[in-house]
Amino acid sequence: MDKPEIDRENDRWVQALATRGPSREAACSELYPLLLRVGRAEARRRAPLLHLDGPELEDIAHQAAADALMAVCDRVATFRGEARFTTWASKFVIFNVATKVNRHFWQRHEVPYDEDDWSRLAAGFTSSPEDEAQVREFAAAVSSAVDEALSDRQRLVFVATVLNGMPIDVLATELGSTRNSLYKVLFDARKKLRANLVAGGYLTPSPAVHSA
């Protein structure tokens, strides 16, 4: 298919989904199976992470396709025609599968997202035996800084996302919050922690920025 044909096809999707009534319903009925096919392929690709198969895997694909279809309809006006419309729409279902698989992972995860086992931070560093004492000392300093410098919410968000690796969108759902809100909490937490660790001599101060 050459570019003029792609452009006509893109226009057909946009015009149909931007309207109300039978045209939009027909376009949704046509688009949903395409999204479901992408959702199934992406779910199968990610399935080994959770050992998912059968009805549970199919359910993730259907949910992701349905959510993606709603998102596409809501945002069709933002489509700029830089790619095939179906390629653009597929990105929504891939994102939704990733989110749902992450949620399944954390529902099954043995470690609570707010458990602060700081030995995992030390284990994340590759070091020689001579450096292990320094690594443990730094992990202990971070643990103390978290307790001393952060609010309860900042501590929860930092431990869940940085220490335990919980995806921030999954944590947002868990807490009934938004990604942007938690990003701001995490930004403030990191800023406080850095100041605390600099004051304790564990980190060097950032170079001062001089204006001309």
C-alpha atoms as a PDB file:
ATOM      1  CA  MET A   1       0.000   0.000   0.000  1.00  0.00           C
ATOM      2  CA  ASP A   2       1.518   3.346  -1.052  1.00  0.00           C
ATOM      3  CA  LYS A   3       1.273   6.570   0.940  1.00  0.00           C
ATOM      4  CA  PRO A   4      -1.824   8.000  -0.796  1.00  0.00           C
ATOM      5  CA  GLU A   5      -3.653   4.765  -0.062  1.00  0.00           C
ATOM      6  CA  ILE A   6      -2.454   4.829   3.564  1.00  0.00           C
ATOM      7  CA  ASP A   7      -3.621   8.439   3.898  1.00  0.00           C
ATOM      8  CA  ARG A   8      -7.064   7.541   2.524  1.00  0.00           C
ATOM      9  CA  GLU A   9      -7.296   4.600   4.887  1.00  0.00           C
ATOM     10  CA  ASN A  10      -6.244   6.782   7.814  1.00  0.00           C
ATOM     11  CA  ASP A  11      -8.860   9.389   6.877  1.00  0.00           C
ATOM     12  CA  ARG A  12     -11.510   6.688   6.712  1.00  0.00           C
ATOM     13  CA  TRP A  13     -10.755   5.559  10.271  1.00  0.00           C
ATOM     14  CA  VAL A  14     -10.606   9.080  11.671  1.00  0.00           C
ATOM     15  CA  GLN A  15     -13.829  10.241  10.020  1.00  0.00           C
ATOM     16  CA  ALA A  16     -15.731   7.142  11.106  1.00  0.00           C
ATOM     17  CA  LEU A  17     -14.523   7.158  14.713  1.00  0.00           C
ATOM     18  CA  ALA A  18     -14.915  10.920  15.113  1.00  0.00           C
ATOM     19  CA  THR A  19     -18.647  10.750  14.417  1.00  0.00           C
ATOM     20  CA  ARG A  20     -21.564   9.317  16.358  1.00  0.00           C
ATOM     21  CA  GLY A  21     -23.943   6.649  15.254  1.00  0.00           C
ATOM     22  CA  PRO A  22     -23.774   3.664  12.881  1.00  0.00           C
ATOM     23  CA  SER A  23     -20.524   4.715  11.176  1.00  0.00           C
ATOM     24  CA  ARG A  24     -18.655   4.796  14.447  1.00  0.00           C
ATOM     25  CA  GLU A  25     -20.188   1.541  15.638  1.00  0.00           C
ATOM     26  CA  ALA A  26     -19.174  -0.161  12.387  1.00  0.00           C
ATOM     27  CA  ALA A  27     -15.627   1.190  12.674  1.00  0.00           C
ATOM     28  CA  CYS A  28     -15.398  -0.007  16.289  1.00  0.00           C
ATOM     29  CA  SER A  29     -16.622  -3.453  15.250  1.00  0.00           C
ATOM     30  CA  GLU A  30     -13.930  -3.520  12.574  1.00  0.00           C
ATOM     31  CA  LEU A  31     -11.140  -2.177  14.786  1.00  0.00           C
ATOM     32  CA  TYR A  32     -11.748  -4.315  17.868  1.00  0.00           C
ATOM     33  CA  PRO A  33     -10.648  -7.649  16.285  1.00  0.00           C
ATOM     34  CA  LEU A  34      -7.455  -5.989  15.076  1.00  0.00           C
ATOM     35  CA  LEU A  35      -6.710  -4.700  18.564  1.00  0.00           C
ATOM     36  CA  LEU A  36      -7.573  -8.063  20.082  1.00  0.00           C
ATOM     37  CA  ARG A  37      -5.123  -9.806  17.745  1.00  0.00           C
ATOM     38  CA  VAL A  38      -2.362  -7.405  18.842  1.00  0.00           C
ATOM     39  CA  GLY A  39      -3.411  -7.858  22.475  1.00  0.00           C
ATOM     40  CA  ARG A  40      -3.238 -11.634  22.240  1.00  0.00           C
ATOM     41  CA  ALA A  41       0.215 -11.531  20.641  1.00  0.00           C
ATOM     42  CA  GLU A  42       1.538  -9.115  23.271  1.00  0.00           C
ATOM     43  CA  ALA A  43      -0.028 -11.084  26.129  1.00  0.00           C
ATOM     44  CA  ARG A  44       1.544 -14.309  24.835  1.00  0.00           C
ATOM     45  CA  ARG A  45       4.900 -12.556  24.557  1.00  0.00           C
ATOM     46  CA  ARG A  46       4.714 -11.469  28.196  1.00  0.00           C
ATOM     47  CA  ALA A  47       3.073 -14.648  29.526  1.00  0.00           C
ATOM     48  CA  PRO A  48       6.312 -16.395  30.622  1.00  0.00           C
ATOM     49  CA  LEU A  49       6.802 -13.708  33.282  1.00  0.00           C
ATOM     50  CA  LEU A  50       3.734 -14.985  35.154  1.00  0.00           C
ATOM     51  CA  HIS A  51       3.345 -18.459  33.666  1.00  0.00           C
ATOM     52  CA  LEU A  52      -0.036 -17.329  32.323  1.00  0.00           C
ATOM     53  CA  ASP A  53      -2.071 -19.325  29.855  1.00  0.00           C
ATOM     54  CA  GLY A  54      -5.600 -20.274  28.929  1.00  0.00           C
ATOM     55  CA  PRO A  55      -8.607 -18.179  30.022  1.00  0.00           C
ATOM     56  CA  GLU A  56      -6.548 -15.794  32.179  1.00  0.00           C
ATOM     57  CA  LEU A  57      -4.314 -14.839  29.274  1.00  0.00           C
ATOM     58  CA  GLU A  58      -7.319 -14.455  26.974  1.00  0.00           C
ATOM     59  CA  ASP A  59      -9.018 -12.241  29.567  1.00  0.00           C
ATOM     60  CA  ILE A  60      -6.014  -9.894  29.669  1.00  0.00           C
ATOM     61  CA  ALA A  61      -6.058  -9.602  25.877  1.00  0.00           C
ATOM     62  CA  HIS A  62      -9.807  -8.844  25.757  1.00  0.00           C
ATOM     63  CA  GLN A  63      -9.623  -6.274  28.564  1.00  0.00           C
ATOM     64  CA  ALA A  64      -6.630  -4.569  26.954  1.00  0.00           C
ATOM     65  CA  ALA A  65      -8.337  -4.445  23.553  1.00  0.00           C
ATOM     66  CA  ALA A  66     -11.545  -3.023  25.027  1.00  0.00           C
ATOM     67  CA  ASP A  67      -9.667  -0.355  27.002  1.00  0.00           C
ATOM     68  CA  ALA A  68      -7.576   0.484  23.936  1.00  0.00           C
ATOM     69  CA  LEU A  69     -10.667   0.882  21.782  1.00  0.00           C
ATOM     70  CA  MET A  70     -12.111   3.389  24.263  1.00  0.00           C
ATOM     71  CA  ALA A  71      -8.808   5.285  24.369  1.00  0.00           C
ATOM     72  CA  VAL A  72      -8.583   5.407  20.573  1.00  0.00           C
ATOM     73  CA  CYS A  73     -12.125   6.779  20.302  1.00  0.00           C
ATOM     74  CA  ASP A  74     -11.415   9.390  22.975  1.00  0.00           C
ATOM     75  CA  ARG A  75      -8.133  10.510  21.370  1.00  0.00           C
ATOM     76  CA  VAL A  76      -8.815  10.076  17.675  1.00  0.00           C
ATOM     77  CA  ALA A  77      -8.545  13.847  17.216  1.00  0.00           C
ATOM     78  CA  THR A  78      -4.894  13.687  18.323  1.00  0.00           C
ATOM     79  CA  PHE A  79      -3.919  11.311  15.503  1.00  0.00           C
ATOM     80  CA  ARG A  80      -1.469  13.193  13.268  1.00  0.00           C
ATOM     81  CA  GLY A  81      -1.225  10.725  10.393  1.00  0.00           C
ATOM     82  CA  GLU A  82       2.491  10.059  10.823  1.00  0.00           C
ATOM     83  CA  ALA A  83       1.895   6.289  10.641  1.00  0.00           C
ATOM     84  CA  ARG A  84      -0.875   3.892   9.742  1.00  0.00           C
ATOM     85  CA  PHE A  85      -3.905   4.479  11.922  1.00  0.00           C
ATOM     86  CA  THR A  86      -3.940   0.829  12.969  1.00  0.00           C
ATOM     87  CA  THR A  87      -0.274   1.039  14.002  1.00  0.00           C
ATOM     88  CA  TRP A  88      -1.062   4.094  16.135  1.00  0.00           C
ATOM     89  CA  ALA A  89      -4.086   2.344  17.664  1.00  0.00           C
ATOM     90  CA  SER A  90      -2.057  -0.788  18.407  1.00  0.00           C
ATOM     91  CA  LYS A  91       0.220   1.179  20.729  1.00  0.00           C
ATOM     92  CA  PHE A  92      -2.718   1.651  23.100  1.00  0.00           C
ATOM     93  CA  VAL A  93      -3.401  -2.062  23.392  1.00  0.00           C
ATOM     94  CA  ILE A  94       0.299  -2.883  23.875  1.00  0.00           C
ATOM     95  CA  PHE A  95       0.465  -0.349  26.709  1.00  0.00           C
ATOM     96  CA  ASN A  96      -2.695  -1.783  28.276  1.00  0.00           C
ATOM     97  CA  VAL A  97      -1.391  -5.343  28.136  1.00  0.00           C
ATOM     98  CA  ALA A  98       1.825  -4.223  29.854  1.00  0.00           C
ATOM     99  CA  THR A  99      -0.157  -2.468  32.584  1.00  0.00           C
ATOM    100  CA  LYS A 100      -2.423  -5.445  33.191  1.00  0.00           C
ATOM    101  CA  VAL A 101       0.454  -7.939  33.223  1.00  0.00           C
ATOM    102  CA  ASN A 102       2.312  -5.745  35.733  1.00  0.00           C
ATOM    103  CA  ARG A 103      -0.801  -5.656  37.891  1.00  0.00           C
ATOM    104  CA  HIS A 104      -1.080  -9.441  37.778  1.00  0.00           C
ATOM    105  CA  PHE A 105       2.582  -9.715  38.711  1.00  0.00           C
ATOM    106  CA  TRP A 106       2.199  -7.540  41.777  1.00  0.00           C
ATOM    107  CA  GLN A 107      -1.001  -9.265  42.836  1.00  0.00           C
ATOM    108  CA  ARG A 108       1.026 -12.488  42.948  1.00  0.00           C
ATOM    109  CA  HIS A 109       4.254 -10.961  44.231  1.00  0.00           C
ATOM    110  CA  GLU A 110       5.425 -12.500  47.482  1.00  0.00           C
ATOM    111  CA  VAL A 111       7.007  -9.290  48.791  1.00  0.00           C
ATOM    112  CA  PRO A 112       4.561  -6.530  49.865  1.00  0.00           C
ATOM    113  CA  TYR A 113       5.292  -3.369  47.905  1.00  0.00           C
ATOM    114  CA  ASP A 114       5.884  -1.397  51.120  1.00  0.00           C
ATOM    115  CA  GLU A 115       8.310  -3.881  52.698  1.00  0.00           C
ATOM    116  CA  ASP A 116      11.645  -2.158  53.244  1.00  0.00           C
ATOM    117  CA  ASP A 117      14.262  -4.893  53.082  1.00  0.00           C
ATOM    118  CA  TRP A 118      17.291  -2.688  52.483  1.00  0.00           C
ATOM    119  CA  SER A 119      19.574  -5.677  51.988  1.00  0.00           C
ATOM    120  CA  ARG A 120      18.103  -5.799  48.449  1.00  0.00           C
ATOM    121  CA  LEU A 121      19.567  -2.352  47.787  1.00  0.00           C
ATOM    122  CA  ALA A 122      23.034  -3.534  48.817  1.00  0.00           C
ATOM    123  CA  ALA A 123      22.646  -6.683  46.735  1.00  0.00           C
ATOM    124  CA  GLY A 124      21.946  -4.509  43.680  1.00  0.00           C
ATOM    125  CA  PHE A 125      25.523  -3.235  43.659  1.00  0.00           C
ATOM    126  CA  THR A 126      28.264  -5.255  41.976  1.00  0.00           C
ATOM    127  CA  SER A 127      31.283  -4.887  44.178  1.00  0.00           C
ATOM    128  CA  SER A 128      34.422  -6.650  45.259  1.00  0.00           C
ATOM    129  CA  PRO A 129      34.525  -8.221  48.728  1.00  0.00           C
ATOM    130  CA  GLU A 130      36.578  -5.241  49.932  1.00  0.00           C
ATOM    131  CA  ASP A 131      33.770  -2.884  48.967  1.00  0.00           C
ATOM    132  CA  GLU A 132      30.924  -4.845  50.577  1.00  0.00           C
ATOM    133  CA  ALA A 133      31.259  -3.048  53.906  1.00  0.00           C
ATOM    134  CA  GLN A 134      30.987   0.344  52.182  1.00  0.00           C
ATOM    135  CA  VAL A 135      27.956  -0.835  50.195  1.00  0.00           C
ATOM    136  CA  ARG A 136      26.222  -2.045  53.363  1.00  0.00           C
ATOM    137  CA  GLU A 137      27.080   1.226  55.081  1.00  0.00           C
ATOM    138  CA  PHE A 138      25.597   3.236  52.194  1.00  0.00           C
ATOM    139  CA  ALA A 139      22.419   1.103  52.181  1.00  0.00           C
ATOM    140  CA  ALA A 140      22.062   1.689  55.918  1.00  0.00           C
ATOM    141  CA  ALA A 141      22.535   5.441  55.372  1.00  0.00           C
ATOM    142  CA  VAL A 142      19.791   5.467  52.716  1.00  0.00           C
ATOM    143  CA  SER A 143      17.500   3.528  55.056  1.00  0.00           C
ATOM    144  CA  SER A 144      18.101   6.042  57.849  1.00  0.00           C
ATOM    145  CA  ALA A 145      17.605   8.966  55.486  1.00  0.00           C
ATOM    146  CA  VAL A 146      14.276   7.521  54.311  1.00  0.00           C
ATOM    147  CA  ASP A 147      13.101   7.261  57.921  1.00  0.00           C
ATOM    148  CA  GLU A 148      14.419  10.674  58.953  1.00  0.00           C
ATOM    149  CA  ALA A 149      13.757  12.889  55.944  1.00  0.00           C
ATOM    150  CA  LEU A 150      10.639  11.585  54.204  1.00  0.00           C
ATOM    151  CA  SER A 151       6.963  11.890  54.985  1.00  0.00           C
ATOM    152  CA  ASP A 152       4.970   8.684  55.294  1.00  0.00           C
ATOM    153  CA  ARG A 153       3.658   9.009  51.733  1.00  0.00           C
ATOM    154  CA  GLN A 154       7.069   9.856  50.293  1.00  0.00           C
ATOM    155  CA  ARG A 155       8.551   6.858  52.090  1.00  0.00           C
ATOM    156  CA  LEU A 156       5.821   4.534  50.768  1.00  0.00           C
ATOM    157  CA  VAL A 157       6.245   5.690  47.162  1.00  0.00           C
ATOM    158  CA  PHE A 158      10.048   5.576  47.301  1.00  0.00           C
ATOM    159  CA  VAL A 159      10.189   2.103  48.857  1.00  0.00           C
ATOM    160  CA  ALA A 160       7.565   0.662  46.511  1.00  0.00           C
ATOM    161  CA  THR A 161       9.029   2.020  43.266  1.00  0.00           C
ATOM    162  CA  VAL A 162      12.774   2.344  43.882  1.00  0.00           C
ATOM    163  CA  LEU A 163      13.483  -0.454  46.364  1.00  0.00           C
ATOM    164  CA  ASN A 164      10.842  -2.987  45.333  1.00  0.00           C
ATOM    165  CA  GLY A 165      10.602  -2.045  41.648  1.00  0.00           C
ATOM    166  CA  MET A 166       6.825  -1.639  41.530  1.00  0.00           C
ATOM    167  CA  PRO A 167       5.674   0.125  38.329  1.00  0.00           C
ATOM    168  CA  ILE A 168       4.382   3.552  39.213  1.00  0.00           C
ATOM    169  CA  ASP A 169       1.135   3.126  37.273  1.00  0.00           C
ATOM    170  CA  VAL A 170       0.396  -0.059  39.257  1.00  0.00           C
ATOM    171  CA  LEU A 171       1.121   1.755  42.524  1.00  0.00           C
ATOM    172  CA  ALA A 172      -1.144   4.616  41.424  1.00  0.00           C
ATOM    173  CA  THR A 173      -3.994   2.148  40.949  1.00  0.00           C
ATOM    174  CA  GLU A 174      -3.215   0.521  44.318  1.00  0.00           C
ATOM    175  CA  LEU A 175      -3.320   3.893  46.113  1.00  0.00           C
ATOM    176  CA  GLY A 176      -6.185   5.412  44.114  1.00  0.00           C
ATOM    177  CA  SER A 177      -3.852   8.145  42.860  1.00  0.00           C
ATOM    178  CA  THR A 178      -2.402   9.226  39.503  1.00  0.00           C
ATOM    179  CA  ARG A 179       0.980   8.666  37.907  1.00  0.00           C
ATOM    180  CA  ASN A 180       1.718  12.406  37.760  1.00  0.00           C
ATOM    181  CA  SER A 181       0.910  12.825  41.442  1.00  0.00           C
ATOM    182  CA  LEU A 182       3.216   9.969  42.422  1.00  0.00           C
ATOM    183  CA  TYR A 183       5.992  11.227  40.130  1.00  0.00           C
ATOM    184  CA  LYS A 184       5.866  14.532  42.039  1.00  0.00           C
ATOM    185  CA  VAL A 185       5.988  12.687  45.378  1.00  0.00           C
ATOM    186  CA  LEU A 186       8.961  10.633  44.162  1.00  0.00           C
ATOM    187  CA  PHE A 187      10.772  13.723  42.839  1.00  0.00           C
ATOM    188  CA  ASP A 188      10.418  15.482  46.208  1.00  0.00           C
ATOM    189  CA  ALA A 189      11.498  12.331  48.047  1.00  0.00           C
ATOM    190  CA  ARG A 190      14.664  11.982  45.965  1.00  0.00           C
ATOM    191  CA  LYS A 191      15.484  15.649  46.528  1.00  0.00           C
ATOM    192  CA  LYS A 192      15.149  15.277  50.314  1.00  0.00           C
ATOM    193  CA  LEU A 193      17.166  12.064  50.368  1.00  0.00           C
ATOM    194  CA  ARG A 194      20.001  13.579  48.363  1.00  0.00           C
ATOM    195  CA  ALA A 195      20.193  16.568  50.730  1.00  0.00           C
ATOM    196  CA  ASN A 196      20.269  14.221  53.727  1.00  0.00           C
ATOM    197  CA  LEU A 197      22.984  12.015  52.221  1.00  0.00           C
ATOM    198  CA  VAL A 198      25.069  15.035  51.194  1.00  0.00           C
ATOM    199  CA  ALA A 199      24.830  16.392  54.742  1.00  0.00           C
ATOM    200  CA  GLY A 200      25.966  13.022  56.060  1.00  0.00           C
ATOM    201  CA  GLY A 201      28.957  12.921  53.719  1.00  0.00           C
ATOM    202  CA  TYR A 202      27.680   9.967  51.699  1.00  0.00           C
ATOM    203  CA  LEU A 203      27.206  11.967  48.479  1.00  0.00           C
ATOM    204  CA  THR A 204      29.038  14.944  47.069  1.00  0.00           C
ATOM    205  CA  PRO A 205      27.124  18.206  46.601  1.00  0.00           C
ATOM    206  CA  SER A 206      25.951  19.031  43.093  1.00  0.00           C
ATOM    207  CA  PRO A 207      28.125  21.637  41.350  1.00  0.00           C
ATOM    208  CA  ALA A 208      26.755  25.130  41.761  1.00  0.00           C
ATOM    209  CA  VAL A 209      25.206  26.629  38.632  1.00  0.00           C
ATOM    210  CA  HIS A 210      26.439  30.172  38.000  1.00  0.00           C
ATOM    211  CA  SER A 211      24.506  32.542  35.812  1.00  0.00           C
ATOM    212  CA  ALA A 212      26.397  34.675  33.339  1.00  0.00           C
END
